[in-house]
C-alpha atoms as a PDB file:
ATOM      1  CA  MET A   1     -10.857   5.742  23.689  1.00  0.00           C
ATOM      2  CA  PRO A   2     -10.672   9.332  24.939  1.00  0.00           C
ATOM      3  CA  LEU A   3      -6.926   9.230  24.305  1.00  0.00           C
ATOM      4  CA  VAL A   4      -7.309   9.257  20.495  1.00  0.00           C
ATOM      5  CA  PRO A   5      -8.960  12.723  20.200  1.00  0.00           C
ATOM      6  CA  SER A   6      -6.416  14.258  22.567  1.00  0.00           C
ATOM      7  CA  CYS A   7      -3.538  12.721  20.568  1.00  0.00           C
ATOM      8  CA  LEU A   8      -4.986  14.058  17.316  1.00  0.00           C
ATOM      9  CA  ALA A   9      -5.369  17.503  18.893  1.00  0.00           C
ATOM     10  CA  LEU A  10      -1.721  17.371  19.948  1.00  0.00           C
ATOM     11  CA  LEU A  11      -0.709  16.537  16.381  1.00  0.00           C
ATOM     12  CA  ASP A  12      -2.744  19.519  15.134  1.00  0.00           C
ATOM     13  CA  ALA A  13      -0.996  21.754  17.646  1.00  0.00           C
ATOM     14  CA  ALA A  14       2.434  20.598  16.480  1.00  0.00           C
ATOM     15  CA  GLY A  15       2.113  22.827  13.431  1.00  0.00           C
ATOM     16  CA  PRO A  16       2.101  22.679   9.654  1.00  0.00           C
ATOM     17  CA  ILE A  17       5.147  20.432   9.277  1.00  0.00           C
ATOM     18  CA  ALA A  18       3.488  17.698  11.298  1.00  0.00           C
ATOM     19  CA  LYS A  19       0.283  18.120   9.290  1.00  0.00           C
ATOM     20  CA  GLU A  20       2.195  17.730   6.013  1.00  0.00           C
ATOM     21  CA  ALA A  21       4.067  14.676   7.247  1.00  0.00           C
ATOM     22  CA  ALA A  22       1.088  12.877   8.754  1.00  0.00           C
ATOM     23  CA  ALA A  23      -2.499  12.136   7.902  1.00  0.00           C
ATOM     24  CA  GLN A  24      -5.392  11.762  10.254  1.00  0.00           C
ATOM     25  CA  ILE A  25      -7.392   8.638   9.695  1.00  0.00           C
ATOM     26  CA  PRO A  26     -10.673   8.658  11.597  1.00  0.00           C
ATOM     27  CA  HIS A  27     -10.557   4.978  12.433  1.00  0.00           C
ATOM     28  CA  GLY A  28      -9.494   3.605  15.773  1.00  0.00           C
ATOM     29  CA  GLY A  29      -8.639   0.134  16.975  1.00  0.00           C
ATOM     30  CA  LEU A  30      -5.979  -0.693  14.409  1.00  0.00           C
ATOM     31  CA  ALA A  31      -3.260  -1.617  16.899  1.00  0.00           C
ATOM     32  CA  ARG A  32      -4.119  -5.310  16.636  1.00  0.00           C
ATOM     33  CA  ALA A  33      -5.494  -5.287  13.116  1.00  0.00           C
ATOM     34  CA  ASP A  34      -3.997  -7.440  10.381  1.00  0.00           C
ATOM     35  CA  VAL A  35      -1.942  -5.933   7.584  1.00  0.00           C
ATOM     36  CA  ALA A  36      -4.744  -6.091   5.006  1.00  0.00           C
ATOM     37  CA  THR A  37      -7.108  -4.149   7.271  1.00  0.00           C
ATOM     38  CA  VAL A  38      -4.557  -1.450   8.048  1.00  0.00           C
ATOM     39  CA  GLN A  39      -3.708  -1.156   4.353  1.00  0.00           C
ATOM     40  CA  ARG A  40      -7.390  -0.821   3.404  1.00  0.00           C
ATOM     41  CA  VAL A  41      -7.937   1.897   6.016  1.00  0.00           C
ATOM     42  CA  VAL A  42      -4.853   3.987   5.234  1.00  0.00           C
ATOM     43  CA  GLU A  43      -4.909   3.600   1.429  1.00  0.00           C
ATOM     44  CA  PRO A  44      -7.232   6.574   0.749  1.00  0.00           C
ATOM     45  CA  ALA A  45      -5.003   8.881   2.802  1.00  0.00           C
ATOM     46  CA  VAL A  46      -1.855   7.599   1.082  1.00  0.00           C
ATOM     47  CA  ARG A  47      -3.446   8.067  -2.357  1.00  0.00           C
ATOM     48  CA  ALA A  48      -4.650  11.589  -1.484  1.00  0.00           C
ATOM     49  CA  HIS A  49      -1.186  12.559  -0.241  1.00  0.00           C
ATOM     50  CA  ALA A  50       0.464  11.240  -3.434  1.00  0.00           C
ATOM     51  CA  GLU A  51      -2.031  13.078  -5.646  1.00  0.00           C
ATOM     52  CA  ARG A  52      -1.467  16.304  -3.719  1.00  0.00           C
ATOM     53  CA  GLU A  53       2.319  15.955  -4.017  1.00  0.00           C
ATOM     54  CA  VAL A  54       2.130  15.316  -7.781  1.00  0.00           C
ATOM     55  CA  GLY A  55      -0.157  18.331  -8.215  1.00  0.00           C
ATOM     56  CA  GLU A  56       2.196  20.568  -6.250  1.00  0.00           C
ATOM     57  CA  ALA A  57       5.221  19.363  -8.216  1.00  0.00           C
ATOM     58  CA  LEU A  58       3.533  19.975 -11.583  1.00  0.00           C
ATOM     59  CA  ALA A  59       2.400  23.434 -10.459  1.00  0.00           C
ATOM     60  CA  GLN A  60       5.979  24.253  -9.410  1.00  0.00           C
ATOM     61  CA  LEU A  61       7.262  23.121 -12.800  1.00  0.00           C
ATOM     62  CA  ASP A  62       4.744  25.375 -14.569  1.00  0.00           C
ATOM     63  CA  LYS A  63       5.775  28.372 -12.476  1.00  0.00           C
ATOM     64  CA  ALA A  64       9.449  27.594 -13.039  1.00  0.00           C
ATOM     65  CA  ARG A  65       8.930  27.659 -16.818  1.00  0.00           C
ATOM     66  CA  GLY A  66       7.560  31.185 -16.570  1.00  0.00           C
ATOM     67  CA  ARG A  67      10.549  32.316 -14.491  1.00  0.00           C
ATOM     68  CA  GLN A  68      13.072  30.472 -16.652  1.00  0.00           C
ATOM     69  CA  GLU A  69      14.074  28.312 -13.680  1.00  0.00           C
ATOM     70  CA  PHE A  70      13.208  25.112 -15.489  1.00  0.00           C
ATOM     71  CA  ALA A  71      15.200  22.230 -16.948  1.00  0.00           C
ATOM     72  CA  ALA A  72      13.792  19.362 -18.983  1.00  0.00           C
ATOM     73  CA  GLY A  73      15.230  16.262 -20.548  1.00  0.00           C
ATOM     74  CA  LEU A  74      17.970  14.054 -19.246  1.00  0.00           C
ATOM     75  CA  ASP A  75      20.931  16.022 -20.618  1.00  0.00           C
ATOM     76  CA  GLU A  76      19.773  19.390 -19.288  1.00  0.00           C
ATOM     77  CA  VAL A  77      18.700  17.978 -15.912  1.00  0.00           C
ATOM     78  CA  TRP A  78      21.986  16.026 -15.600  1.00  0.00           C
ATOM     79  CA  ARG A  79      23.974  19.237 -16.033  1.00  0.00           C
ATOM     80  CA  ALA A  80      21.790  21.109 -13.527  1.00  0.00           C
ATOM     81  CA  ALA A  81      22.229  18.283 -11.003  1.00  0.00           C
ATOM     82  CA  GLY A  82      26.008  18.436 -11.472  1.00  0.00           C
ATOM     83  CA  GLU A  83      25.889  22.160 -10.720  1.00  0.00           C
ATOM     84  CA  ALA A  84      23.747  21.573  -7.584  1.00  0.00           C
ATOM     85  CA  ARG A  85      21.014  23.785  -9.060  1.00  0.00           C
ATOM     86  CA  ILE A  86      17.988  21.469  -8.663  1.00  0.00           C
ATOM     87  CA  ALA A  87      15.461  22.475  -6.027  1.00  0.00           C
ATOM     88  CA  ARG A  88      12.862  19.897  -7.078  1.00  0.00           C
ATOM     89  CA  LEU A  89      13.290  16.987  -9.453  1.00  0.00           C
ATOM     90  CA  VAL A  90      10.234  15.422 -11.060  1.00  0.00           C
ATOM     91  CA  VAL A  91      10.661  12.026 -12.723  1.00  0.00           C
ATOM     92  CA  GLU A  92       8.238   9.605 -14.307  1.00  0.00           C
ATOM     93  CA  GLU A  93       8.038   6.439 -12.206  1.00  0.00           C
ATOM     94  CA  ASN A  94       9.403   4.026 -14.811  1.00  0.00           C
ATOM     95  CA  HIS A  95      11.779   6.328 -16.672  1.00  0.00           C
ATOM     96  CA  ARG A  96      14.993   4.535 -17.565  1.00  0.00           C
ATOM     97  CA  ALA A  97      17.667   5.472 -20.067  1.00  0.00           C
ATOM     98  CA  THR A  98      21.039   4.202 -21.188  1.00  0.00           C
ATOM     99  CA  VAL A  99      23.415   6.934 -22.306  1.00  0.00           C
ATOM    100  CA  ARG A 100      27.029   7.707 -22.944  1.00  0.00           C
ATOM    101  CA  ASP A 101      28.670  10.933 -21.848  1.00  0.00           C
ATOM    102  CA  ASP A 102      30.463  12.366 -24.888  1.00  0.00           C
ATOM    103  CA  GLY A 103      32.024  15.156 -22.820  1.00  0.00           C
ATOM    104  CA  ASP A 104      29.527  17.854 -23.707  1.00  0.00           C
ATOM    105  CA  HIS A 105      26.241  15.974 -23.655  1.00  0.00           C
ATOM    106  CA  LEU A 106      24.601  12.718 -22.755  1.00  0.00           C
ATOM    107  CA  VAL A 107      23.785  10.767 -25.887  1.00  0.00           C
ATOM    108  CA  PRO A 108      21.565   7.701 -26.184  1.00  0.00           C
ATOM    109  CA  ALA A 109      23.535   4.448 -26.142  1.00  0.00           C
ATOM    110  CA  ARG A 110      23.101   0.708 -26.113  1.00  0.00           C
ATOM    111  CA  ALA A 111      24.052  -1.115 -22.916  1.00  0.00           C
ATOM    112  CA  GLU A 112      26.884  -2.991 -24.610  1.00  0.00           C
ATOM    113  CA  GLU A 113      28.634   0.169 -25.867  1.00  0.00           C
ATOM    114  CA  ASP A 114      31.853   1.304 -24.225  1.00  0.00           C
ATOM    115  CA  GLY A 115      31.139   3.960 -21.616  1.00  0.00           C
ATOM    116  CA  ALA A 116      27.403   3.243 -21.538  1.00  0.00           C
ATOM    117  CA  ARG A 117      25.648   4.188 -18.305  1.00  0.00           C
ATOM    118  CA  GLU A 118      22.495   2.196 -17.740  1.00  0.00           C
ATOM    119  CA  ASP A 119      21.376   3.798 -14.466  1.00  0.00           C
ATOM    120  CA  ILE A 120      21.701   7.444 -15.461  1.00  0.00           C
ATOM    121  CA  VAL A 121      18.247   8.372 -14.141  1.00  0.00           C
ATOM    122  CA  ASP A 122      19.186   6.908 -10.758  1.00  0.00           C
ATOM    123  CA  GLU A 123      22.453   8.861 -10.879  1.00  0.00           C
ATOM    124  CA  VAL A 124      20.542  12.091 -11.512  1.00  0.00           C
ATOM    125  CA  ILE A 125      18.256  11.337  -8.577  1.00  0.00           C
ATOM    126  CA  GLU A 126      21.227  10.611  -6.314  1.00  0.00           C
ATOM    127  CA  ARG A 127      23.006  13.820  -7.372  1.00  0.00           C
ATOM    128  CA  ALA A 128      19.866  15.848  -6.721  1.00  0.00           C
ATOM    129  CA  LEU A 129      19.309  14.222  -3.319  1.00  0.00           C
ATOM    130  CA  ASP A 130      22.940  14.887  -2.344  1.00  0.00           C
ATOM    131  CA  THR A 131      22.309  18.613  -2.822  1.00  0.00           C
ATOM    132  CA  GLY A 132      19.041  18.720  -0.893  1.00  0.00           C
ATOM    133  CA  ALA A 133      16.547  18.585  -3.756  1.00  0.00           C
ATOM    134  CA  LEU A 134      13.027  17.304  -3.311  1.00  0.00           C
ATOM    135  CA  ILE A 135      12.234  14.332  -5.537  1.00  0.00           C
ATOM    136  CA  THR A 136       8.752  13.603  -6.830  1.00  0.00           C
ATOM    137  CA  PHE A 137       7.814  10.588  -8.904  1.00  0.00           C
ATOM    138  CA  VAL A 138       4.835  11.030 -11.211  1.00  0.00           C
ATOM    139  CA  PRO A 139       2.856   8.537 -13.273  1.00  0.00           C
ATOM    140  CA  ASP A 140       4.256   7.558 -16.659  1.00  0.00           C
ATOM    141  CA  ASP A 141       3.436   9.933 -19.531  1.00  0.00           C
ATOM    142  CA  THR A 142       2.862  12.870 -17.158  1.00  0.00           C
ATOM    143  CA  LEU A 143       6.049  14.549 -18.401  1.00  0.00           C
ATOM    144  CA  ALA A 144       5.917  13.463 -22.046  1.00  0.00           C
ATOM    145  CA  ASP A 145       6.437  17.067 -23.180  1.00  0.00           C
ATOM    146  CA  SER A 146       9.534  17.323 -20.943  1.00  0.00           C
ATOM    147  CA  HIS A 147      11.189  14.062 -22.058  1.00  0.00           C
ATOM    148  CA  ARG A 148      10.118  12.197 -18.893  1.00  0.00           C
ATOM    149  CA  ILE A 149      12.224  14.243 -16.442  1.00  0.00           C
ATOM    150  CA  ALA A 150      12.163  17.889 -15.371  1.00  0.00           C
ATOM    151  CA  ALA A 151      13.430  20.131 -12.614  1.00  0.00           C
ATOM    152  CA  VAL A 152      12.741  23.370 -10.836  1.00  0.00           C
ATOM    153  CA  LEU A 153      16.083  25.146 -10.597  1.00  0.00           C
ATOM    154  CA  ARG A 154      17.554  27.197  -7.788  1.00  0.00           C
ATOM    155  CA  HIS A 155      18.560  30.779  -8.516  1.00  0.00           C
END
């Protein structure tokens, strides 16, 4: 197995982007392992990466508040997404909302109302992605003080 250390060294040499995109798991012999074994071995690295990403996103939101480059709540974030101003969008994993666009603002609506949009959170995410924003999903109730959705805005 002398190939594994040399491959890991090559990954290290590739630079910081490769280190951010990959995790080293000190466990060899997984090429013929079953799915459950691979999942058990990689799960701690996946969890650590997700926790790190959530922490970074929340720290960016805090800094953005201090610089007034912050949007919170569906209406404010929707407008920022329409203006291509979102650098990073942070959304609670199970956040869903049905709204109606009254021309100036998004207002809560029932699904059966004329003009109701049931997938508005998905639309915000798609708009943000189309303009190059990073998207981070966080556990439910993480953004309770921001109405379940927030963004770091571009200048």
